Amino acid sequence: MRRHRYAKIVATVGPATNTPDMLKALFLAGVDTFRLNFSHGVQADHAKVHAAIRALEAEVGRPIGILQDLQGPKIRVGTLRDGRLDLVAGERIRFVLEGAEGDRRAIPLHHSEIFAAVVPGQDLLIDDGRVRVRVTGVENAAIDAEVVTAGVITNRKGVNLPGTLLDLSPLTEKDRADLAFGLDLGVDWVALSFVQTPSDVLEARGLIGDRAGIMSKIEKPQALDRIDDIIRLSDAVMVARGDLGVEIPHEDVPGRQKELIRACRLAVKPVVVATQMLDSMVAAPAPTRAEASDVATAIYDGADAVMLSAESATGRYPIEAVAMMDRIIRSVEGHKLYRSIVAASEPGEEETPPHAVATATAVLADAIQARAIVAYTTSGTTAARVARKRPAVPILALTPSRSTSRRLSLLWGTHSVHSDDVDSYEEMTSEAARHARDEGFAKANDMIVAAAGIPFHTIGNTNNIRVIQV
């Protein structure tokens, strides 16, 4: 089952879509990777969804990726006396570390890390920035503040601290339990929330190892200060525009999105653009024009994948949302300006032999109008290096690793196939031709281009190109 597009679709599973029939319908509509959001639901429910996806994978005969998204630390106000506070601009309020009065002079904020980090003049954003207060004084167990933007605070609303680096692990006890559970299930990707520094990724790597790919969610401004190191240590990146858009000005988000996509392409790491892409389709059967343009922009920017959240998890039109995203992607990729725009945003080349060989493979395939590029890959690196060039020729990735084939369902332009390993040059040639025919990429006498590492079974050593007539 071949997708006739390059960019991939990630869809969140939730109450609206957690049955085997709905999962199959979503896959047939265009989903390449399913996201399990561990901020909601219980482990047993996620296990059922995981099993259903693996059963679907066996039924359709195609690798399907599963992304476990960890909740991460959530900073929230506590319980208020009357359930809410109506704040007006200019009034003075106080947050307290201990106690639970829940009034204007004792708003519970049971997070010691905040009290240790904030200084006068910094802002706290409450309820996704709907209420903004400015710190005027800090004590060991109290923070005085002035209301800048009026609004209502209700119980357990979230708090953001733009520009403040918190001494806080991205992995809570809940996350660690969920992570162990997910790894035992066999998830392909783990999305790491609240990444602030490279050490956060290293902490997760120590727990995950190579059992799953680490996808760092960029939702904190502090991460942008060390973004190159964070990308280098990660296996993929998610541009989590929801929280990021709360902590940086809205007008800066589009530019940051472009920067992150470009940096990930340079580093040969898949990048996913997420949050509110078709948000109106939670309740309506069609998106707004602005939302369609938003998805299109991510595709023109060269993103590997775009993601649906509430649209597919709790929305009334999950299948329609996936189908709409699929149509938008295919329309953009078929537009006469698409190739020139993507080529213009290509990052500079990394001057290493494997990257040069992969680039030459893509250029050669385009030049001879090959039907496909066949990338032999164990870890996925060879396919990723070719995809970095964003060739006009589809990539057929052959791998002996089932986990790699599933992870590659997130990679731009790549159709992954779990196949037997090859041991010789002749076998490489014949297997490339056979799979290109079987997967519908080529027919007799068509040309394909194969990229591999010689000697075989060597990870990350892309050093050989072969033109093959099927």
Protein backbone atom coordinates (compact mmCIF):
# COMPACT_ATOMS: atom_id res chain seq x y z
CA MET A 1 0.00 0.00 0.00
CA ARG A 2 1.95 2.92 -1.33
CA ARG A 3 1.31 6.55 -0.35
CA HIS A 4 1.43 8.90 -3.32
CA ARG A 5 2.95 11.76 -1.34
CA TYR A 6 6.24 12.53 0.37
CA ALA A 7 5.34 14.17 3.71
CA LYS A 8 3.87 11.90 6.40
CA ILE A 9 0.85 12.16 8.68
CA VAL A 10 0.85 11.56 12.44
CA ALA A 11 -2.54 11.20 14.14
CA THR A 12 -3.32 11.12 17.85
CA VAL A 13 -5.51 8.27 19.07
CA GLY A 14 -8.20 9.09 21.60
CA PRO A 15 -11.76 8.26 22.61
CA ALA A 16 -13.03 9.04 19.11
CA THR A 17 -10.63 6.67 17.36
CA ASN A 18 -9.39 3.95 19.73
CA THR A 19 -11.27 1.02 18.21
CA PRO A 20 -9.75 -1.40 15.64
CA ASP A 21 -12.24 -0.32 12.97
CA MET A 22 -11.47 3.38 13.45
CA LEU A 23 -7.71 2.77 13.49
CA LYS A 24 -7.99 0.92 10.19
CA ALA A 25 -10.12 3.69 8.71
CA LEU A 26 -7.55 6.29 9.78
CA PHE A 27 -4.71 4.26 8.28
CA LEU A 28 -6.55 3.85 4.99
CA ALA A 29 -7.26 7.59 4.99
CA GLY A 30 -3.54 8.31 5.24
CA VAL A 31 -2.09 7.94 8.75
CA ASP A 32 1.54 6.78 8.78
CA THR A 33 2.29 6.98 12.52
CA PHE A 34 -0.13 6.85 15.45
CA ARG A 35 0.46 8.97 18.56
CA LEU A 36 -0.49 7.66 22.00
CA ASN A 37 -0.87 10.66 24.31
CA PHE A 38 0.04 9.56 27.84
CA SER A 39 -1.27 12.84 29.27
CA HIS A 40 -4.66 11.17 29.00
CA GLY A 41 -5.98 7.67 29.53
CA VAL A 42 -4.55 4.77 31.51
CA GLN A 43 -1.87 2.29 30.58
CA ALA A 44 -4.32 -0.55 29.96
CA ASP A 45 -6.18 1.53 27.36
CA HIS A 46 -2.94 2.42 25.58
CA ALA A 47 -1.94 -1.26 25.57
CA LYS A 48 -5.19 -2.15 23.79
CA VAL A 49 -4.59 0.51 21.15
CA HIS A 50 -0.99 -0.65 20.69
CA ALA A 51 -2.14 -4.23 20.16
CA ALA A 52 -4.80 -3.12 17.70
CA ILE A 53 -2.25 -1.15 15.66
CA ARG A 54 0.12 -4.12 15.54
CA ALA A 55 -2.76 -6.34 14.41
CA LEU A 56 -3.61 -3.78 11.73
CA GLU A 57 0.04 -3.74 10.65
CA ALA A 58 -0.03 -7.49 10.13
CA GLU A 59 -3.31 -7.26 8.22
CA VAL A 60 -2.20 -4.58 5.76
CA GLY A 61 1.39 -5.80 5.46
CA ARG A 62 2.92 -2.36 6.01
CA PRO A 63 5.08 -1.03 8.85
CA ILE A 64 3.16 1.42 11.06
CA GLY A 65 4.91 3.71 13.53
CA ILE A 66 3.74 4.20 17.12
CA LEU A 67 4.71 7.36 19.00
CA GLN A 68 4.44 7.45 22.79
CA ASP A 69 4.06 11.06 23.95
CA LEU A 70 5.00 11.47 27.62
CA GLN A 71 3.14 14.02 29.71
CA GLY A 72 6.16 15.70 31.27
CA PRO A 73 6.05 17.98 34.31
CA LYS A 74 2.93 20.12 34.46
CA ILE A 75 3.15 23.34 36.46
CA ARG A 76 -0.29 24.30 37.75
CA VAL A 77 -1.91 26.46 40.37
CA GLY A 78 -3.65 24.53 43.14
CA THR A 79 -7.25 24.51 44.28
CA LEU A 80 -8.96 27.86 44.81
CA ARG A 81 -11.45 28.53 47.61
CA ASP A 82 -14.39 29.31 45.34
CA GLY A 83 -13.04 27.47 42.33
CA ARG A 84 -12.05 30.68 40.56
CA LEU A 85 -10.52 34.12 40.92
CA ASP A 86 -11.51 37.09 38.78
CA LEU A 87 -8.38 39.21 38.45
CA VAL A 88 -8.30 42.81 37.25
CA ALA A 89 -5.34 44.62 35.76
CA GLY A 90 -3.13 46.39 38.29
CA GLU A 91 -4.19 44.45 41.38
CA ARG A 92 -1.66 42.77 43.67
CA ILE A 93 -1.72 39.03 44.26
CA ARG A 94 0.47 36.51 46.05
CA PHE A 95 1.42 32.91 45.24
CA VAL A 96 2.37 30.63 48.12
CA LEU A 97 4.40 27.42 48.12
CA GLU A 98 2.53 25.89 51.05
CA GLY A 99 -1.00 26.21 52.35
CA ALA A 100 -4.25 26.17 50.45
CA GLU A 101 -6.24 29.31 51.23
CA GLY A 102 -6.93 29.77 47.57
CA ASP A 103 -7.58 33.51 47.66
CA ARG A 104 -5.82 36.55 46.19
CA ARG A 105 -3.20 36.60 48.92
CA ALA A 106 -2.56 32.86 48.94
CA ILE A 107 -2.82 31.28 45.50
CA PRO A 108 -1.38 27.75 45.84
CA LEU A 109 1.62 27.10 43.59
CA HIS A 110 3.24 23.93 44.91
CA HIS A 111 6.37 23.97 42.75
CA SER A 112 9.53 24.89 44.66
CA GLU A 113 11.50 25.13 41.40
CA ILE A 114 9.58 28.27 40.48
CA PHE A 115 10.34 29.99 43.77
CA ALA A 116 14.04 29.20 43.30
CA ALA A 117 14.17 30.49 39.71
CA VAL A 118 12.00 33.59 39.32
CA VAL A 119 13.17 37.15 39.94
CA PRO A 120 11.28 40.45 40.02
CA GLY A 121 10.34 41.66 36.57
CA GLN A 122 9.64 38.23 35.12
CA ASP A 123 6.17 37.24 33.95
CA LEU A 124 4.03 34.23 34.80
CA LEU A 125 1.46 33.16 32.22
CA ILE A 126 -1.62 31.34 33.47
CA ASP A 127 -4.11 29.31 31.43
CA ASP A 128 -2.10 29.39 28.18
CA GLY A 129 -1.35 33.08 28.59
CA ARG A 130 -4.92 34.25 29.06
CA VAL A 131 -3.79 35.79 32.36
CA ARG A 132 -0.40 37.44 32.70
CA VAL A 133 1.13 38.58 36.00
CA ARG A 134 4.51 40.24 36.66
CA VAL A 135 6.66 39.28 39.62
CA THR A 136 7.31 42.18 42.01
CA GLY A 137 8.93 40.33 44.90
CA VAL A 138 10.16 36.85 45.84
CA GLU A 139 10.52 35.23 49.26
CA ASN A 140 11.40 31.67 50.20
CA ALA A 141 7.78 30.54 50.12
CA ALA A 142 5.91 33.42 48.48
CA ILE A 143 5.87 35.34 45.22
CA ASP A 144 4.26 38.77 45.00
CA ALA A 145 2.97 39.83 41.61
CA GLU A 146 0.93 42.44 39.79
CA VAL A 147 -1.76 41.52 37.27
CA VAL A 148 -0.81 42.73 33.79
CA THR A 149 -3.52 41.02 31.73
CA ALA A 150 -6.85 40.58 33.51
CA GLY A 151 -8.81 37.36 33.42
CA VAL A 152 -10.17 34.41 35.36
CA ILE A 153 -8.07 31.76 37.10
CA THR A 154 -9.75 28.47 37.87
CA ASN A 155 -8.55 25.34 39.66
CA ARG A 156 -5.47 23.54 38.33
CA LYS A 157 -4.80 25.90 35.43
CA GLY A 158 -1.35 25.64 33.89
CA VAL A 159 1.45 28.12 34.50
CA ASN A 160 4.18 29.02 31.99
CA LEU A 161 7.37 30.91 32.76
CA PRO A 162 8.80 32.34 29.54
CA GLY A 163 12.51 33.04 29.75
CA THR A 164 12.98 31.15 33.02
CA LEU A 165 15.17 28.05 33.14
CA LEU A 166 13.72 25.70 35.76
CA ASP A 167 15.76 23.11 37.60
CA LEU A 168 13.25 20.46 36.65
CA SER A 169 13.68 17.03 35.07
CA PRO A 170 11.58 16.44 31.95
CA LEU A 171 10.68 13.02 33.38
CA THR A 172 8.33 12.81 36.34
CA GLU A 173 7.69 9.61 38.28
CA LYS A 174 4.58 9.11 36.16
CA ASP A 175 6.65 9.57 33.00
CA ARG A 176 9.22 7.02 34.14
CA ALA A 177 6.51 4.46 34.82
CA ASP A 178 4.81 5.21 31.51
CA LEU A 179 8.14 5.05 29.67
CA ALA A 180 8.99 1.63 31.08
CA PHE A 181 5.51 0.47 30.12
CA GLY A 182 5.81 1.84 26.58
CA LEU A 183 9.24 0.34 26.00
CA ASP A 184 7.97 -3.04 27.14
CA LEU A 185 5.08 -2.73 24.68
CA GLY A 186 7.53 -1.88 21.91
CA VAL A 187 6.75 1.71 20.92
CA ASP A 188 8.86 3.06 18.09
CA TRP A 189 9.22 6.67 19.20
CA VAL A 190 9.14 8.45 22.57
CA ALA A 191 8.20 12.13 22.52
CA LEU A 192 9.96 13.94 25.35
CA SER A 193 8.08 16.93 26.78
CA PHE A 194 9.53 19.99 28.57
CA VAL A 195 13.00 19.74 26.99
CA GLN A 196 15.06 22.73 28.10
CA THR A 197 18.70 21.64 27.73
CA PRO A 198 20.77 18.91 26.02
CA SER A 199 21.15 17.19 29.39
CA ASP A 200 17.39 16.54 29.37
CA VAL A 201 17.81 14.44 26.21
CA LEU A 202 20.79 12.64 27.73
CA GLU A 203 18.71 11.80 30.80
CA ALA A 204 16.07 10.20 28.60
CA ARG A 205 18.71 8.41 26.53
CA GLY A 206 20.04 6.78 29.67
CA LEU A 207 16.63 5.18 30.21
CA ILE A 208 15.68 4.47 26.61
CA GLY A 209 18.98 3.49 25.01
CA ASP A 210 18.28 2.31 21.48
CA ARG A 211 14.93 0.65 22.28
CA ALA A 212 13.04 3.57 20.72
CA GLY A 213 13.81 6.82 18.94
CA ILE A 214 13.77 9.99 21.05
CA MET A 215 11.67 12.83 19.68
CA SER A 216 12.40 16.07 21.52
CA LYS A 217 9.42 18.39 21.72
CA ILE A 218 10.50 21.99 21.27
CA GLU A 219 8.02 23.90 23.42
CA LYS A 220 10.30 25.93 25.72
CA PRO A 221 12.26 29.05 24.68
CA GLN A 222 15.23 27.74 26.66
CA ALA A 223 15.49 24.84 24.19
CA LEU A 224 15.95 27.31 21.34
CA ASP A 225 19.12 28.61 23.01
CA ARG A 226 20.77 25.16 22.74
CA ILE A 227 18.84 23.84 19.77
CA ASP A 228 21.76 22.52 17.71
CA ASP A 229 22.96 20.34 20.58
CA ILE A 230 19.42 19.16 21.36
CA ILE A 231 18.84 18.19 17.72
CA ARG A 232 22.20 16.39 17.57
CA LEU A 233 21.35 14.28 20.62
CA SER A 234 17.78 13.54 19.50
CA ASP A 235 16.54 11.10 16.86
CA ALA A 236 13.74 13.43 15.77
CA VAL A 237 12.17 16.76 16.74
CA MET A 238 8.60 17.96 17.16
CA VAL A 239 7.82 21.64 16.69
CA ALA A 240 5.24 21.80 19.51
CA ARG A 241 3.74 25.15 18.60
CA GLY A 242 1.08 25.16 21.32
CA ASP A 243 3.25 25.64 24.38
CA LEU A 244 5.98 27.32 22.36
CA GLY A 245 3.45 29.87 21.14
CA VAL A 246 2.49 30.66 24.72
CA GLU A 247 6.05 31.42 25.80
CA ILE A 248 7.29 33.31 22.75
CA PRO A 249 5.39 35.99 20.80
CA HIS A 250 2.86 34.55 18.35
CA GLU A 251 4.45 36.44 15.50
CA ASP A 252 7.78 34.69 16.12
CA VAL A 253 6.42 31.15 15.84
CA PRO A 254 6.35 30.88 12.00
CA GLY A 255 9.97 31.97 11.72
CA ARG A 256 11.06 29.60 14.46
CA GLN A 257 9.22 26.79 12.68
CA LYS A 258 11.21 27.42 9.51
CA GLU A 259 14.48 27.60 11.46
CA LEU A 260 13.79 24.30 13.22
CA ILE A 261 12.85 22.48 10.02
CA ARG A 262 15.99 23.72 8.32
CA ALA A 263 18.20 22.77 11.28
CA CYS A 264 16.70 19.27 11.39
CA ARG A 265 17.26 18.77 7.67
CA LEU A 266 20.88 19.82 8.10
CA ALA A 267 21.30 17.35 10.96
CA VAL A 268 19.47 14.55 9.07
CA LYS A 269 16.76 14.23 11.73
CA PRO A 270 13.03 13.92 11.00
CA VAL A 271 10.95 16.92 12.07
CA VAL A 272 7.23 16.95 12.86
CA VAL A 273 5.10 20.12 12.89
CA ALA A 274 2.28 19.89 15.43
CA THR A 275 -0.60 21.64 17.22
CA GLN A 276 -3.90 23.06 15.96
CA MET A 277 -3.14 22.37 12.31
CA LEU A 278 -6.80 21.68 11.43
CA ASP A 279 -8.26 22.66 14.79
CA SER A 280 -11.67 23.74 13.53
CA MET A 281 -12.22 20.18 12.28
CA VAL A 282 -12.66 19.09 15.89
CA ALA A 283 -16.23 20.32 15.47
CA ALA A 284 -16.62 21.05 11.75
CA PRO A 285 -16.31 18.85 8.64
CA ALA A 286 -13.97 21.28 6.88
CA PRO A 287 -11.03 23.45 7.98
CA THR A 288 -10.65 27.18 7.64
CA ARG A 289 -8.63 28.51 4.72
CA ALA A 290 -6.00 29.69 7.19
CA GLU A 291 -5.64 26.16 8.59
CA ALA A 292 -5.25 24.68 5.13
CA SER A 293 -2.56 27.29 4.45
CA ASP A 294 -0.88 26.41 7.75
CA VAL A 295 -0.55 22.76 6.77
CA ALA A 296 0.62 23.77 3.30
CA THR A 297 3.28 26.06 4.76
CA ALA A 298 4.78 23.21 6.78
CA ILE A 299 4.96 21.11 3.60
CA TYR A 300 6.54 23.92 1.60
CA ASP A 301 9.03 24.35 4.48
CA GLY A 302 10.09 20.72 3.98
CA ALA A 303 8.74 19.14 7.18
CA ASP A 304 8.89 15.35 7.34
CA ALA A 305 5.46 15.07 8.92
CA VAL A 306 2.47 17.04 10.14
CA MET A 307 0.40 16.01 13.14
CA LEU A 308 -3.24 15.93 14.20
CA SER A 309 -4.05 16.19 17.91
CA ALA A 310 -7.62 16.78 19.12
CA GLU A 311 -8.80 16.58 15.51
CA SER A 312 -8.27 12.81 15.50
CA ALA A 313 -8.37 12.08 19.25
CA THR A 314 -11.66 13.63 20.34
CA GLY A 315 -13.04 15.39 17.27
CA ARG A 316 -16.27 14.65 15.47
CA TYR A 317 -14.57 14.25 12.06
CA PRO A 318 -11.30 12.33 12.58
CA ILE A 319 -11.31 10.46 9.27
CA GLU A 320 -12.25 13.59 7.36
CA ALA A 321 -9.40 15.47 9.09
CA VAL A 322 -6.85 12.86 8.00
CA ALA A 323 -8.24 12.80 4.47
CA MET A 324 -8.12 16.60 4.33
CA MET A 325 -4.51 16.65 5.48
CA ASP A 326 -3.66 14.02 2.89
CA ARG A 327 -5.27 16.09 0.14
CA ILE A 328 -3.51 19.27 1.20
CA ILE A 329 -0.13 17.54 1.19
CA ARG A 330 -0.66 15.98 -2.23
CA SER A 331 -1.90 19.27 -3.65
CA VAL A 332 1.15 21.15 -2.39
CA GLU A 333 3.60 18.50 -3.58
CA GLY A 334 1.96 18.58 -7.02
CA HIS A 335 2.13 22.35 -7.30
CA LYS A 336 4.47 23.77 -9.94
CA LEU A 337 6.39 25.85 -7.39
CA TYR A 338 6.84 23.09 -4.77
CA ARG A 339 10.14 21.67 -6.03
CA SER A 340 11.78 25.09 -6.41
CA ILE A 341 10.63 26.27 -2.97
CA VAL A 342 11.86 23.12 -1.22
CA ALA A 343 15.17 23.27 -3.12
CA ALA A 344 15.63 26.93 -2.17
CA SER A 345 15.28 26.07 1.54
CA GLU A 346 17.82 23.25 1.39
CA PRO A 347 20.49 23.62 4.10
CA GLY A 348 24.20 23.55 3.36
CA GLU A 349 25.90 20.23 2.81
CA GLU A 350 27.78 18.39 5.53
CA GLU A 351 31.15 17.57 4.04
CA THR A 352 31.42 13.89 4.89
CA PRO A 353 31.70 11.00 2.41
CA PRO A 354 28.41 9.31 3.46
CA HIS A 355 26.47 12.57 3.05
CA ALA A 356 28.14 13.25 -0.31
CA VAL A 357 27.26 9.76 -1.57
CA ALA A 358 23.63 10.12 -0.45
CA THR A 359 23.39 13.53 -2.12
CA ALA A 360 24.92 12.13 -5.31
CA THR A 361 22.38 9.30 -5.21
CA ALA A 362 19.49 11.75 -5.13
CA VAL A 363 20.99 13.94 -7.86
CA LEU A 364 21.73 10.95 -10.09
CA ALA A 365 18.23 9.52 -9.66
CA ASP A 366 16.68 12.86 -10.59
CA ALA A 367 19.01 13.25 -13.59
CA ILE A 368 18.18 9.87 -15.16
CA GLN A 369 14.51 10.06 -14.10
CA ALA A 370 14.81 6.85 -12.14
CA ARG A 371 11.59 5.31 -10.88
CA ALA A 372 12.90 4.95 -7.32
CA ILE A 373 15.90 5.24 -5.04
CA VAL A 374 16.46 2.00 -3.16
CA ALA A 375 18.24 2.62 0.14
CA TYR A 376 19.65 -0.38 1.97
CA THR A 377 19.70 0.59 5.62
CA THR A 378 20.05 -1.09 8.99
CA SER A 379 19.62 1.91 11.29
CA GLY A 380 17.73 4.15 8.86
CA THR A 381 20.65 6.53 8.38
CA THR A 382 21.19 5.88 4.67
CA ALA A 383 17.52 6.54 3.90
CA ALA A 384 17.57 9.69 6.05
CA ARG A 385 20.64 11.01 4.25
CA VAL A 386 18.95 10.56 0.88
CA ALA A 387 15.68 12.07 2.14
CA ARG A 388 17.58 15.13 3.38
CA LYS A 389 18.04 16.13 -0.27
CA ARG A 390 14.25 15.97 -0.80
CA PRO A 391 14.58 14.27 -4.22
CA ALA A 392 11.72 14.15 -6.72
CA VAL A 393 12.19 10.36 -6.82
CA PRO A 394 10.50 8.24 -4.11
CA ILE A 395 12.73 6.38 -1.65
CA LEU A 396 12.28 2.65 -1.11
CA ALA A 397 14.04 1.78 2.15
CA LEU A 398 14.93 -1.90 2.61
CA THR A 399 15.91 -2.92 6.12
CA PRO A 400 16.33 -6.19 8.01
CA SER A 401 15.25 -4.40 11.20
CA ARG A 402 11.52 -4.36 11.90
CA SER A 403 11.91 -1.49 14.38
CA THR A 404 13.81 0.57 11.80
CA SER A 405 11.11 -0.06 9.18
CA ARG A 406 8.50 1.28 11.61
CA ARG A 407 10.52 4.36 12.54
CA LEU A 408 11.01 5.14 8.85
CA SER A 409 7.24 5.59 8.50
CA LEU A 410 7.95 9.09 9.85
CA LEU A 411 10.65 9.97 7.30
CA TRP A 412 9.91 12.21 4.31
CA GLY A 413 9.45 10.45 0.99
CA THR A 414 10.30 7.02 2.34
CA HIS A 415 8.40 3.78 1.75
CA SER A 416 9.94 1.30 4.16
CA VAL A 417 9.96 -2.46 3.72
CA HIS A 418 11.08 -5.06 6.25
CA SER A 419 13.27 -7.36 4.16
CA ASP A 420 15.97 -9.98 4.48
CA ASP A 421 19.53 -8.74 4.68
CA VAL A 422 21.82 -9.05 1.67
CA ASP A 423 25.34 -10.46 1.68
CA SER A 424 26.68 -9.71 -1.77
CA TYR A 425 26.68 -7.09 -4.50
CA GLU A 426 24.73 -9.37 -6.86
CA GLU A 427 22.10 -10.04 -4.20
CA MET A 428 21.80 -6.32 -3.53
CA THR A 429 21.07 -5.68 -7.20
CA SER A 430 18.53 -8.46 -7.64
CA GLU A 431 16.70 -7.70 -4.37
CA ALA A 432 16.51 -3.99 -5.17
CA ALA A 433 14.90 -4.75 -8.53
CA ARG A 434 12.53 -7.33 -7.03
CA HIS A 435 11.27 -5.06 -4.25
CA ALA A 436 10.91 -2.11 -6.64
CA ARG A 437 8.63 -4.29 -8.80
CA ASP A 438 6.73 -5.86 -5.91
CA GLU A 439 6.04 -2.52 -4.20
CA GLY A 440 4.79 -0.91 -7.41
CA PHE A 441 7.64 1.52 -8.00
CA ALA A 442 9.06 0.07 -11.21
CA LYS A 443 8.37 -2.36 -14.00
CA ALA A 444 10.58 -4.23 -16.45
CA ASN A 445 13.31 -2.09 -18.09
CA ASP A 446 12.78 0.87 -15.71
CA MET A 447 15.83 2.40 -14.06
CA ILE A 448 16.35 2.56 -10.31
CA VAL A 449 19.30 3.77 -8.23
CA ALA A 450 20.48 1.84 -5.18
CA ALA A 451 22.50 3.25 -2.28
CA ALA A 452 24.19 1.05 0.31
CA GLY A 453 27.16 0.64 2.58
CA ILE A 454 29.90 -1.76 1.56
CA PRO A 455 30.86 -4.03 3.30
CA PHE A 456 27.29 -5.02 4.12
CA HIS A 457 25.99 -5.14 7.71
CA THR A 458 27.96 -1.96 8.53
CA ILE A 459 25.84 0.75 10.16
CA GLY A 460 26.09 4.33 8.89
CA ASN A 461 28.59 3.64 6.10
CA THR A 462 26.84 4.94 2.96
CA ASN A 463 29.53 4.61 0.29
CA ASN A 464 28.12 2.91 -2.79
CA ILE A 465 25.76 3.85 -5.64
CA ARG A 466 24.49 1.48 -8.30
CA VAL A 467 22.27 2.20 -11.31
CA ILE A 468 20.07 -0.82 -11.98
CA GLN A 469 17.82 -1.66 -14.90
CA VAL A 470 14.88 -3.67 -13.67
